[in-house]
Amino acid sequence: MVVYPMSTEHCQNLVALANKHNVVIVPYGGGTTVSQSLKLPNEEQRMIVSCDMTRMNAVKWVDKENGMACVQAGIFGSDLERDLK
């Protein structure tokens, strides 16, 4: 199963339901798979849900003075670079 949350509240509800029903959630963010997060153990017996974060891809704020930014988990690197320019 794949879910596409669109807000923090959606994510909170998803985690609460997964906890209640003993479901594994695997986040999918920028799509590089550098972390190999979608490489799951064969012995896992619980239901596995991929949480595709791509609909949460906004830059929330930028602090130019300290060189910091708050971005949502689904933003792609190329989009982040473009938005920060």
PDB file of N, CA and C in Angstrom:
ATOM      1  N   MET A   1       0.846  -1.165   0.000  1.00  0.00           N
ATOM      2  CA  MET A   1       0.000   0.000   0.000  1.00  0.00           C
ATOM      3  C   MET A   1       0.897   1.236   0.000  1.00  0.00           C
ATOM      4  N   VAL A   2       0.459   2.269  -0.694  1.00  0.00           N
ATOM      5  CA  VAL A   2       1.157   3.549  -0.700  1.00  0.00           C
ATOM      6  C   VAL A   2       0.156   4.620  -0.285  1.00  0.00           C
ATOM      7  N   VAL A   3       0.575   5.486   0.626  1.00  0.00           N
ATOM      8  CA  VAL A   3      -0.266   6.616   1.026  1.00  0.00           C
ATOM      9  C   VAL A   3       0.471   7.904   0.679  1.00  0.00           C
ATOM     10  N   TYR A   4      -0.290   8.958   0.440  1.00  0.00           N
ATOM     11  CA  TYR A   4       0.250  10.251   0.037  1.00  0.00           C
ATOM     12  C   TYR A   4      -0.257  11.342   0.977  1.00  0.00           C
ATOM     13  N   PRO A   5       0.373  11.525   2.132  1.00  0.00           N
ATOM     14  CA  PRO A   5      -0.102  12.563   3.056  1.00  0.00           C
ATOM     15  C   PRO A   5       0.133  13.956   2.472  1.00  0.00           C
ATOM     16  N   MET A   6      -0.741  14.872   2.853  1.00  0.00           N
ATOM     17  CA  MET A   6      -0.643  16.236   2.351  1.00  0.00           C
ATOM     18  C   MET A   6      -0.445  17.256   3.468  1.00  0.00           C
ATOM     19  N   SER A   7      -0.350  16.778   4.716  1.00  0.00           N
ATOM     20  CA  SER A   7      -0.186  17.704   5.839  1.00  0.00           C
ATOM     21  C   SER A   7       0.418  16.974   7.029  1.00  0.00           C
ATOM     22  N   THR A   8       0.863  17.756   7.989  1.00  0.00           N
ATOM     23  CA  THR A   8       1.385  17.190   9.232  1.00  0.00           C
ATOM     24  C   THR A   8       0.304  16.374   9.930  1.00  0.00           C
ATOM     25  N   GLU A   9      -0.920  16.872   9.901  1.00  0.00           N
ATOM     26  CA  GLU A   9      -2.036  16.162  10.534  1.00  0.00           C
ATOM     27  C   GLU A   9      -2.263  14.797   9.888  1.00  0.00           C
ATOM     28  N   HIS A  10      -2.163  14.733   8.565  1.00  0.00           N
ATOM     29  CA  HIS A  10      -2.296  13.440   7.883  1.00  0.00           C
ATOM     30  C   HIS A  10      -1.233  12.464   8.379  1.00  0.00           C
ATOM     31  N   CYS A  11       0.004  12.957   8.512  1.00  0.00           N
ATOM     32  CA  CYS A  11       1.107  12.102   8.981  1.00  0.00           C
ATOM     33  C   CYS A  11       0.863  11.635  10.407  1.00  0.00           C
ATOM     34  N   GLN A  12       0.398  12.530  11.262  1.00  0.00           N
ATOM     35  CA  GLN A  12       0.115  12.160  12.645  1.00  0.00           C
ATOM     36  C   GLN A  12      -0.960  11.084  12.717  1.00  0.00           C
ATOM     37  N   ASN A  13      -2.007  11.235  11.919  1.00  0.00           N
ATOM     38  CA  ASN A  13      -3.081  10.232  11.890  1.00  0.00           C
ATOM     39  C   ASN A  13      -2.573   8.899  11.359  1.00  0.00           C
ATOM     40  N   LEU A  14      -1.738   8.942  10.341  1.00  0.00           N
ATOM     41  CA  LEU A  14      -1.178   7.726   9.765  1.00  0.00           C
ATOM     42  C   LEU A  14      -0.338   6.972  10.795  1.00  0.00           C
ATOM     43  N   VAL A  15       0.508   7.686  11.506  1.00  0.00           N
ATOM     44  CA  VAL A  15       1.353   7.048  12.527  1.00  0.00           C
ATOM     45  C   VAL A  15       0.489   6.453  13.633  1.00  0.00           C
ATOM     46  N   ALA A  16      -0.533   7.176  14.057  1.00  0.00           N
ATOM     47  CA  ALA A  16      -1.421   6.657  15.111  1.00  0.00           C
ATOM     48  C   ALA A  16      -2.119   5.374  14.657  1.00  0.00           C
ATOM     49  N   LEU A  17      -2.611   5.360  13.416  1.00  0.00           N
ATOM     50  CA  LEU A  17      -3.280   4.158  12.899  1.00  0.00           C
ATOM     51  C   LEU A  17      -2.307   3.000  12.727  1.00  0.00           C
ATOM     52  N   ALA A  18      -1.105   3.297  12.237  1.00  0.00           N
ATOM     53  CA  ALA A  18      -0.102   2.237  12.063  1.00  0.00           C
ATOM     54  C   ALA A  18       0.273   1.641  13.409  1.00  0.00           C
ATOM     55  N   ASN A  19       0.415   2.477  14.415  1.00  0.00           N
ATOM     56  CA  ASN A  19       0.735   1.992  15.753  1.00  0.00           C
ATOM     57  C   ASN A  19      -0.397   1.125  16.302  1.00  0.00           C
ATOM     58  N   LYS A  20      -1.616   1.570  16.111  1.00  0.00           N
ATOM     59  CA  LYS A  20      -2.788   0.834  16.602  1.00  0.00           C
ATOM     60  C   LYS A  20      -2.905  -0.547  15.949  1.00  0.00           C
ATOM     61  N   HIS A  21      -2.566  -0.629  14.650  1.00  0.00           N
ATOM     62  CA  HIS A  21      -2.755  -1.874  13.903  1.00  0.00           C
ATOM     63  C   HIS A  21      -1.457  -2.618  13.609  1.00  0.00           C
ATOM     64  N   ASN A  22      -0.352  -2.187  14.259  1.00  0.00           N
ATOM     65  CA  ASN A  22       0.949  -2.848  14.113  1.00  0.00           C
ATOM     66  C   ASN A  22       1.405  -2.926  12.650  1.00  0.00           C
ATOM     67  N   VAL A  23       1.338  -1.795  11.978  1.00  0.00           N
ATOM     68  CA  VAL A  23       1.722  -1.683  10.567  1.00  0.00           C
ATOM     69  C   VAL A  23       3.056  -0.943  10.472  1.00  0.00           C
ATOM     70  N   VAL A  24       3.918  -1.397   9.566  1.00  0.00           N
ATOM     71  CA  VAL A  24       5.204  -0.747   9.324  1.00  0.00           C
ATOM     72  C   VAL A  24       5.001   0.388   8.329  1.00  0.00           C
ATOM     73  N   ILE A  25       5.542   1.560   8.635  1.00  0.00           N
ATOM     74  CA  ILE A  25       5.509   2.690   7.706  1.00  0.00           C
ATOM     75  C   ILE A  25       6.934   2.934   7.218  1.00  0.00           C
ATOM     76  N   VAL A  26       7.089   3.016   5.902  1.00  0.00           N
ATOM     77  CA  VAL A  26       8.389   3.321   5.311  1.00  0.00           C
ATOM     78  C   VAL A  26       8.251   4.644   4.565  1.00  0.00           C
ATOM     79  N   PRO A  27       8.942   5.689   5.022  1.00  0.00           N
ATOM     80  CA  PRO A  27       8.834   6.978   4.339  1.00  0.00           C
ATOM     81  C   PRO A  27       9.591   6.971   3.011  1.00  0.00           C
ATOM     82  N   TYR A  28       9.032   7.665   2.036  1.00  0.00           N
ATOM     83  CA  TYR A  28       9.676   7.850   0.748  1.00  0.00           C
ATOM     84  C   TYR A  28       9.671   9.343   0.482  1.00  0.00           C
ATOM     85  N   GLY A  29      10.854   9.924   0.431  1.00  0.00           N
ATOM     86  CA  GLY A  29      10.951  11.377   0.307  1.00  0.00           C
ATOM     87  C   GLY A  29      11.432  11.839  -1.045  1.00  0.00           C
ATOM     88  N   GLY A  30      12.709  12.183  -1.135  1.00  0.00           N
ATOM     89  CA  GLY A  30      13.272  12.776  -2.340  1.00  0.00           C
ATOM     90  C   GLY A  30      13.460  11.842  -3.504  1.00  0.00           C
ATOM     91  N   GLY A  31      13.357  10.554  -3.291  1.00  0.00           N
ATOM     92  CA  GLY A  31      13.400   9.607  -4.383  1.00  0.00           C
ATOM     93  C   GLY A  31      14.770   9.128  -4.810  1.00  0.00           C
ATOM     94  N   THR A  32      15.818   9.500  -4.089  1.00  0.00           N
ATOM     95  CA  THR A  32      17.156   9.071  -4.488  1.00  0.00           C
ATOM     96  C   THR A  32      17.465   7.655  -4.048  1.00  0.00           C
ATOM     97  N   THR A  33      16.764   7.155  -3.069  1.00  0.00           N
ATOM     98  CA  THR A  33      16.961   5.849  -2.427  1.00  0.00           C
ATOM     99  C   THR A  33      18.384   5.648  -1.914  1.00  0.00           C
ATOM    100  N   VAL A  34      19.080   6.743  -1.636  1.00  0.00           N
ATOM    101  CA  VAL A  34      20.420   6.666  -1.058  1.00  0.00           C
ATOM    102  C   VAL A  34      20.383   5.906   0.257  1.00  0.00           C
ATOM    103  N   SER A  35      19.325   6.110   1.020  1.00  0.00           N
ATOM    104  CA  SER A  35      19.203   5.451   2.326  1.00  0.00           C
ATOM    105  C   SER A  35      18.742   4.005   2.202  1.00  0.00           C
ATOM    106  N   GLN A  36      18.348   3.598   1.011  1.00  0.00           N
ATOM    107  CA  GLN A  36      17.807   2.269   0.761  1.00  0.00           C
ATOM    108  C   GLN A  36      16.638   1.939   1.695  1.00  0.00           C
ATOM    109  N   SER A  37      15.837   2.953   1.993  1.00  0.00           N
ATOM    110  CA  SER A  37      14.735   2.760   2.940  1.00  0.00           C
ATOM    111  C   SER A  37      13.659   1.827   2.421  1.00  0.00           C
ATOM    112  N   LEU A  38      13.582   1.637   1.114  1.00  0.00           N
ATOM    113  CA  LEU A  38      12.570   0.722   0.581  1.00  0.00           C
ATOM    114  C   LEU A  38      13.091  -0.700   0.441  1.00  0.00           C
ATOM    115  N   LYS A  39      14.336  -0.925   0.852  1.00  0.00           N
ATOM    116  CA  LYS A  39      14.885  -2.282   0.876  1.00  0.00           C
ATOM    117  C   LYS A  39      14.498  -2.880   2.225  1.00  0.00           C
ATOM    118  N   LEU A  40      13.476  -3.711   2.210  1.00  0.00           N
ATOM    119  CA  LEU A  40      12.880  -4.205   3.450  1.00  0.00           C
ATOM    120  C   LEU A  40      13.308  -5.637   3.729  1.00  0.00           C
ATOM    121  N   PRO A  41      13.379  -6.001   5.008  1.00  0.00           N
ATOM    122  CA  PRO A  41      13.765  -7.368   5.356  1.00  0.00           C
ATOM    123  C   PRO A  41      12.717  -8.383   4.889  1.00  0.00           C
ATOM    124  N   ASN A  42      13.170  -9.448   4.279  1.00  0.00           N
ATOM    125  CA  ASN A  42      12.264 -10.496   3.792  1.00  0.00           C
ATOM    126  C   ASN A  42      11.465 -11.141   4.906  1.00  0.00           C
ATOM    127  N   GLU A  43      12.008 -11.145   6.109  1.00  0.00           N
ATOM    128  CA  GLU A  43      11.331 -11.824   7.219  1.00  0.00           C
ATOM    129  C   GLU A  43      10.237 -10.981   7.875  1.00  0.00           C
ATOM    130  N   GLU A  44      10.060  -9.728   7.431  1.00  0.00           N
ATOM    131  CA  GLU A  44       9.014  -8.870   8.012  1.00  0.00           C
ATOM    132  C   GLU A  44       7.641  -9.464   7.735  1.00  0.00           C
ATOM    133  N   GLN A  45       6.870  -9.683   8.791  1.00  0.00           N
ATOM    134  CA  GLN A  45       5.555 -10.316   8.678  1.00  0.00           C
ATOM    135  C   GLN A  45       4.402  -9.306   8.715  1.00  0.00           C
ATOM    136  N   ARG A  46       4.691  -8.110   9.226  1.00  0.00           N
ATOM    137  CA  ARG A  46       3.626  -7.110   9.330  1.00  0.00           C
ATOM    138  C   ARG A  46       3.330  -6.481   7.968  1.00  0.00           C
ATOM    139  N   MET A  47       2.145  -5.894   7.854  1.00  0.00           N
ATOM    140  CA  MET A  47       1.802  -5.134   6.661  1.00  0.00           C
ATOM    141  C   MET A  47       2.762  -3.949   6.556  1.00  0.00           C
ATOM    142  N   ILE A  48       3.189  -3.640   5.331  1.00  0.00           N
ATOM    143  CA  ILE A  48       4.119  -2.530   5.094  1.00  0.00           C
ATOM    144  C   ILE A  48       3.428  -1.491   4.228  1.00  0.00           C
ATOM    145  N   VAL A  49       3.488  -0.246   4.673  1.00  0.00           N
ATOM    146  CA  VAL A  49       2.893   0.870   3.943  1.00  0.00           C
ATOM    147  C   VAL A  49       4.000   1.847   3.590  1.00  0.00           C
ATOM    148  N   SER A  50       4.099   2.203   2.322  1.00  0.00           N
ATOM    149  CA  SER A  50       5.037   3.233   1.896  1.00  0.00           C
ATOM    150  C   SER A  50       4.334   4.576   1.999  1.00  0.00           C
ATOM    151  N   CYS A  51       4.981   5.494   2.672  1.00  0.00           N
ATOM    152  CA  CYS A  51       4.430   6.833   2.871  1.00  0.00           C
ATOM    153  C   CYS A  51       5.162   7.775   1.930  1.00  0.00           C
ATOM    154  N   ASP A  52       4.572   8.049   0.774  1.00  0.00           N
ATOM    155  CA  ASP A  52       5.184   8.892  -0.254  1.00  0.00           C
ATOM    156  C   ASP A  52       4.969  10.358   0.118  1.00  0.00           C
ATOM    157  N   MET A  53       6.056  11.033   0.438  1.00  0.00           N
ATOM    158  CA  MET A  53       5.980  12.394   0.954  1.00  0.00           C
ATOM    159  C   MET A  53       5.966  13.471  -0.130  1.00  0.00           C
ATOM    160  N   THR A  54       5.932  13.089  -1.397  1.00  0.00           N
ATOM    161  CA  THR A  54       6.108  14.063  -2.474  1.00  0.00           C
ATOM    162  C   THR A  54       5.047  15.160  -2.535  1.00  0.00           C
ATOM    163  N   ARG A  55       3.910  14.966  -1.922  1.00  0.00           N
ATOM    164  CA  ARG A  55       2.896  16.034  -1.906  1.00  0.00           C
ATOM    165  C   ARG A  55       3.184  17.078  -0.827  1.00  0.00           C
ATOM    166  N   MET A  56       4.130  16.766   0.037  1.00  0.00           N
ATOM    167  CA  MET A  56       4.564  17.730   1.059  1.00  0.00           C
ATOM    168  C   MET A  56       5.958  18.210   0.642  1.00  0.00           C
ATOM    169  N   ASN A  57       5.987  19.197  -0.255  1.00  0.00           N
ATOM    170  CA  ASN A  57       7.243  19.593  -0.882  1.00  0.00           C
ATOM    171  C   ASN A  57       7.494  21.091  -0.846  1.00  0.00           C
ATOM    172  N   ALA A  58       7.021  21.752   0.175  1.00  0.00           N
ATOM    173  CA  ALA A  58       7.141  23.211   0.257  1.00  0.00           C
ATOM    174  C   ALA A  58       8.327  23.637   1.109  1.00  0.00           C
ATOM    175  N   VAL A  59       8.851  24.810   0.785  1.00  0.00           N
ATOM    176  CA  VAL A  59       9.808  25.483   1.663  1.00  0.00           C
ATOM    177  C   VAL A  59       8.965  26.270   2.658  1.00  0.00           C
ATOM    178  N   LYS A  60       9.082  25.950   3.937  1.00  0.00           N
ATOM    179  CA  LYS A  60       8.248  26.590   4.961  1.00  0.00           C
ATOM    180  C   LYS A  60       8.795  27.958   5.366  1.00  0.00           C
ATOM    181  N   TRP A  61      10.103  28.030   5.580  1.00  0.00           N
ATOM    182  CA  TRP A  61      10.733  29.301   5.902  1.00  0.00           C
ATOM    183  C   TRP A  61      12.226  29.244   5.618  1.00  0.00           C
ATOM    184  N   VAL A  62      12.819  30.430   5.445  1.00  0.00           N
ATOM    185  CA  VAL A  62      14.251  30.549   5.201  1.00  0.00           C
ATOM    186  C   VAL A  62      14.797  31.622   6.136  1.00  0.00           C
ATOM    187  N   ASP A  63      15.877  31.297   6.839  1.00  0.00           N
ATOM    188  CA  ASP A  63      16.583  32.243   7.691  1.00  0.00           C
ATOM    189  C   ASP A  63      17.920  32.535   7.017  1.00  0.00           C
ATOM    190  N   LYS A  64      17.950  33.600   6.212  1.00  0.00           N
ATOM    191  CA  LYS A  64      19.153  33.927   5.448  1.00  0.00           C
ATOM    192  C   LYS A  64      20.329  34.271   6.352  1.00  0.00           C
ATOM    193  N   GLU A  65      20.045  34.879   7.487  1.00  0.00           N
ATOM    194  CA  GLU A  65      21.109  35.294   8.406  1.00  0.00           C
ATOM    195  C   GLU A  65      21.901  34.099   8.937  1.00  0.00           C
ATOM    196  N   ASN A  66      21.197  33.013   9.271  1.00  0.00           N
ATOM    197  CA  ASN A  66      21.852  31.829   9.831  1.00  0.00           C
ATOM    198  C   ASN A  66      22.037  30.704   8.810  1.00  0.00           C
ATOM    199  N   GLY A  67      21.615  30.936   7.560  1.00  0.00           N
ATOM    200  CA  GLY A  67      21.764  29.925   6.522  1.00  0.00           C
ATOM    201  C   GLY A  67      20.951  28.669   6.785  1.00  0.00           C
ATOM    202  N   MET A  68      19.752  28.855   7.324  1.00  0.00           N
ATOM    203  CA  MET A  68      18.898  27.716   7.648  1.00  0.00           C
ATOM    204  C   MET A  68      17.579  27.817   6.891  1.00  0.00           C
ATOM    205  N   ALA A  69      16.991  26.657   6.649  1.00  0.00           N
ATOM    206  CA  ALA A  69      15.671  26.615   6.018  1.00  0.00           C
ATOM    207  C   ALA A  69      14.895  25.444   6.591  1.00  0.00           C
ATOM    208  N   CYS A  70      13.597  25.573   6.609  1.00  0.00           N
ATOM    209  CA  CYS A  70      12.707  24.487   7.015  1.00  0.00           C
ATOM    210  C   CYS A  70      11.925  24.066   5.773  1.00  0.00           C
ATOM    211  N   VAL A  71      12.115  22.816   5.375  1.00  0.00           N
ATOM    212  CA  VAL A  71      11.435  22.320   4.183  1.00  0.00           C
ATOM    213  C   VAL A  71      10.697  21.034   4.528  1.00  0.00           C
ATOM    214  N   GLN A  72       9.649  20.764   3.778  1.00  0.00           N
ATOM    215  CA  GLN A  72       8.898  19.540   3.995  1.00  0.00           C
ATOM    216  C   GLN A  72       9.655  18.346   3.418  1.00  0.00           C
ATOM    217  N   ALA A  73       9.327  17.172   3.901  1.00  0.00           N
ATOM    218  CA  ALA A  73      10.091  15.951   3.622  1.00  0.00           C
ATOM    219  C   ALA A  73      10.052  15.483   2.175  1.00  0.00           C
ATOM    220  N   GLY A  74       9.095  15.928   1.385  1.00  0.00           N
ATOM    221  CA  GLY A  74       8.965  15.416   0.031  1.00  0.00           C
ATOM    222  C   GLY A  74       9.622  16.243  -1.051  1.00  0.00           C
ATOM    223  N   ILE A  75      10.358  17.275  -0.676  1.00  0.00           N
ATOM    224  CA  ILE A  75      10.942  18.146  -1.698  1.00  0.00           C
ATOM    225  C   ILE A  75      12.139  17.472  -2.366  1.00  0.00           C
ATOM    226  N   PHE A  76      12.223  17.607  -3.678  1.00  0.00           N
ATOM    227  CA  PHE A  76      13.362  17.099  -4.428  1.00  0.00           C
ATOM    228  C   PHE A  76      14.489  18.114  -4.363  1.00  0.00           C
ATOM    229  N   GLY A  77      15.725  17.632  -4.373  1.00  0.00           N
ATOM    230  CA  GLY A  77      16.889  18.516  -4.283  1.00  0.00           C
ATOM    231  C   GLY A  77      16.905  19.599  -5.325  1.00  0.00           C
ATOM    232  N   SER A  78      16.586  19.256  -6.567  1.00  0.00           N
ATOM    233  CA  SER A  78      16.590  20.248  -7.647  1.00  0.00           C
ATOM    234  C   SER A  78      15.530  21.335  -7.415  1.00  0.00           C
ATOM    235  N   ASP A  79      14.368  20.929  -6.882  1.00  0.00           N
ATOM    236  CA  ASP A  79      13.314  21.913  -6.571  1.00  0.00           C
ATOM    237  C   ASP A  79      13.736  22.790  -5.412  1.00  0.00           C
ATOM    238  N   LEU A  80      14.397  22.222  -4.430  1.00  0.00           N
ATOM    239  CA  LEU A  80      14.877  22.993  -3.294  1.00  0.00           C
ATOM    240  C   LEU A  80      15.899  24.023  -3.751  1.00  0.00           C
ATOM    241  N   GLU A  81      16.842  23.621  -4.578  1.00  0.00           N
ATOM    242  CA  GLU A  81      17.830  24.571  -5.092  1.00  0.00           C
ATOM    243  C   GLU A  81      17.152  25.709  -5.834  1.00  0.00           C
ATOM    244  N   ARG A  82      16.197  25.374  -6.709  1.00  0.00           N
ATOM    245  CA  ARG A  82      15.485  26.392  -7.472  1.00  0.00           C
ATOM    246  C   ARG A  82      14.743  27.349  -6.546  1.00  0.00           C
ATOM    247  N   ASP A  83      14.037  26.819  -5.555  1.00  0.00           N
ATOM    248  CA  ASP A  83      13.246  27.647  -4.652  1.00  0.00           C
ATOM    249  C   ASP A  83      14.103  28.526  -3.752  1.00  0.00           C
ATOM    250  N   LEU A  84      15.296  28.061  -3.418  1.00  0.00           N
ATOM    251  CA  LEU A  84      16.165  28.842  -2.536  1.00  0.00           C
ATOM    252  C   LEU A  84      16.926  29.942  -3.268  1.00  0.00           C
ATOM    253  N   LYS A  85      16.964  29.866  -4.600  1.00  0.00           N
ATOM    254  CA  LYS A  85      17.647  30.929  -5.356  1.00  0.00           C
ATOM    255  C   LYS A  85      16.863  32.169  -5.307  1.00  0.00           C
TER     256      LYS A  85
END
